[in-house]
């Protein structure tokens, strides 16, 4: 049997990306709004402010977590 992935609980992200959020994919595809379930928690993202996988508030940085409500979030 071939390997098959299922994303039953995957929900799209409704908010725009933070302007400080960077990812490897954005340099390849040019897409700032990249959102794929395989990237969740993968540390393929970093904050342009801290240049690290943690934001200024010491929380993880990724497309889902960098959302309105964080002190460091800046809408694009």
C-alpha atoms as a PDB file:
ATOM      1  CA  UNK A   1       0.000   0.000   0.000  1.00  0.00           C
ATOM      2  CA  UNK A   2       1.307   3.445  -0.920  1.00  0.00           C
ATOM      3  CA  UNK A   3       1.856   6.151   1.671  1.00  0.00           C
ATOM      4  CA  UNK A   4      -1.053   8.557   1.924  1.00  0.00           C
ATOM      5  CA  UNK A   5      -1.412  11.746   3.982  1.00  0.00           C
ATOM      6  CA  UNK A   6      -4.680  13.075   5.256  1.00  0.00           C
ATOM      7  CA  UNK A   7      -5.357  16.628   6.456  1.00  0.00           C
ATOM      8  CA  UNK A   8      -8.845  16.184   7.891  1.00  0.00           C
ATOM      9  CA  UNK A   9      -8.375  18.704  10.723  1.00  0.00           C
ATOM     10  CA  UNK A  10      -6.574  21.267   8.556  1.00  0.00           C
ATOM     11  CA  UNK A  11      -8.172  24.711   8.661  1.00  0.00           C
ATOM     12  CA  UNK A  12      -7.047  27.570   6.414  1.00  0.00           C
ATOM     13  CA  UNK A  13      -5.589  30.672   8.054  1.00  0.00           C
ATOM     14  CA  UNK A  14      -7.905  33.682   7.939  1.00  0.00           C
ATOM     15  CA  UNK A  15      -5.522  36.478   8.992  1.00  0.00           C
ATOM     16  CA  UNK A  16      -2.847  38.118   6.799  1.00  0.00           C
ATOM     17  CA  UNK A  17       0.783  37.183   7.482  1.00  0.00           C
ATOM     18  CA  UNK A  18       2.897  39.297   9.829  1.00  0.00           C
ATOM     19  CA  UNK A  19       5.222  41.610   7.926  1.00  0.00           C
ATOM     20  CA  UNK A  20       8.190  40.302   9.970  1.00  0.00           C
ATOM     21  CA  UNK A  21       7.520  36.630   9.148  1.00  0.00           C
ATOM     22  CA  UNK A  22       9.998  34.993   6.784  1.00  0.00           C
ATOM     23  CA  UNK A  23      10.163  31.482   5.362  1.00  0.00           C
ATOM     24  CA  UNK A  24      12.355  29.481   3.025  1.00  0.00           C
ATOM     25  CA  UNK A  25       9.369  29.006   0.704  1.00  0.00           C
ATOM     26  CA  UNK A  26       8.869  32.745   0.201  1.00  0.00           C
ATOM     27  CA  UNK A  27      12.340  32.992  -1.362  1.00  0.00           C
ATOM     28  CA  UNK A  28      11.568  30.114  -3.736  1.00  0.00           C
ATOM     29  CA  UNK A  29       7.948  30.805  -4.693  1.00  0.00           C
ATOM     30  CA  UNK A  30       7.664  34.489  -3.769  1.00  0.00           C
ATOM     31  CA  UNK A  31       4.457  33.701  -1.857  1.00  0.00           C
ATOM     32  CA  UNK A  32       4.201  35.482   1.514  1.00  0.00           C
ATOM     33  CA  UNK A  33       0.916  33.787   2.291  1.00  0.00           C
ATOM     34  CA  UNK A  34       2.271  30.238   2.151  1.00  0.00           C
ATOM     35  CA  UNK A  35       0.263  27.911   4.332  1.00  0.00           C
ATOM     36  CA  UNK A  36       0.757  24.187   4.192  1.00  0.00           C
ATOM     37  CA  UNK A  37       0.078  21.747   7.046  1.00  0.00           C
ATOM     38  CA  UNK A  38       3.498  20.104   6.632  1.00  0.00           C
ATOM     39  CA  UNK A  39       5.153  23.389   7.618  1.00  0.00           C
ATOM     40  CA  UNK A  40       3.347  23.704  10.962  1.00  0.00           C
ATOM     41  CA  UNK A  41       5.891  23.672  13.785  1.00  0.00           C
ATOM     42  CA  UNK A  42       8.706  22.868  11.374  1.00  0.00           C
ATOM     43  CA  UNK A  43      10.888  25.922  12.090  1.00  0.00           C
ATOM     44  CA  UNK A  44      11.087  26.682   8.373  1.00  0.00           C
ATOM     45  CA  UNK A  45      10.000  30.140   9.499  1.00  0.00           C
ATOM     46  CA  UNK A  46      11.876  32.882  11.302  1.00  0.00           C
ATOM     47  CA  UNK A  47      11.173  36.400  12.524  1.00  0.00           C
ATOM     48  CA  UNK A  48      12.930  39.148  10.589  1.00  0.00           C
ATOM     49  CA  UNK A  49      13.091  41.214  13.794  1.00  0.00           C
ATOM     50  CA  UNK A  50      14.918  38.604  15.892  1.00  0.00           C
ATOM     51  CA  UNK A  51      16.469  36.584  13.019  1.00  0.00           C
ATOM     52  CA  UNK A  52      15.442  33.479  14.976  1.00  0.00           C
ATOM     53  CA  UNK A  53      12.657  30.876  15.199  1.00  0.00           C
ATOM     54  CA  UNK A  54      11.402  32.739  18.273  1.00  0.00           C
ATOM     55  CA  UNK A  55       9.740  36.129  18.062  1.00  0.00           C
ATOM     56  CA  UNK A  56      10.444  39.139  20.313  1.00  0.00           C
ATOM     57  CA  UNK A  57       7.909  37.698  22.789  1.00  0.00           C
ATOM     58  CA  UNK A  58       9.914  34.411  22.961  1.00  0.00           C
ATOM     59  CA  UNK A  59       7.087  32.409  21.325  1.00  0.00           C
ATOM     60  CA  UNK A  60       7.404  30.147  18.255  1.00  0.00           C
ATOM     61  CA  UNK A  61       7.234  31.805  14.860  1.00  0.00           C
ATOM     62  CA  UNK A  62       5.170  30.285  12.049  1.00  0.00           C
ATOM     63  CA  UNK A  63       2.287  31.194   9.770  1.00  0.00           C
ATOM     64  CA  UNK A  64      -0.394  30.162  12.297  1.00  0.00           C
ATOM     65  CA  UNK A  65       1.178  31.546  15.472  1.00  0.00           C
ATOM     66  CA  UNK A  66       2.126  34.966  14.091  1.00  0.00           C
ATOM     67  CA  UNK A  67      -1.372  36.353  14.396  1.00  0.00           C
ATOM     68  CA  UNK A  68      -3.232  39.432  15.574  1.00  0.00           C
ATOM     69  CA  UNK A  69      -3.105  39.491  19.353  1.00  0.00           C
ATOM     70  CA  UNK A  70       0.652  39.094  19.631  1.00  0.00           C
ATOM     71  CA  UNK A  71       2.364  42.334  20.665  1.00  0.00           C
ATOM     72  CA  UNK A  72       4.915  42.008  17.853  1.00  0.00           C
ATOM     73  CA  UNK A  73       2.396  41.300  15.046  1.00  0.00           C
ATOM     74  CA  UNK A  74       2.328  43.858  12.208  1.00  0.00           C
ATOM     75  CA  UNK A  75      -0.188  43.346   9.439  1.00  0.00           C
ATOM     76  CA  UNK A  76       1.176  43.477   5.889  1.00  0.00           C
END
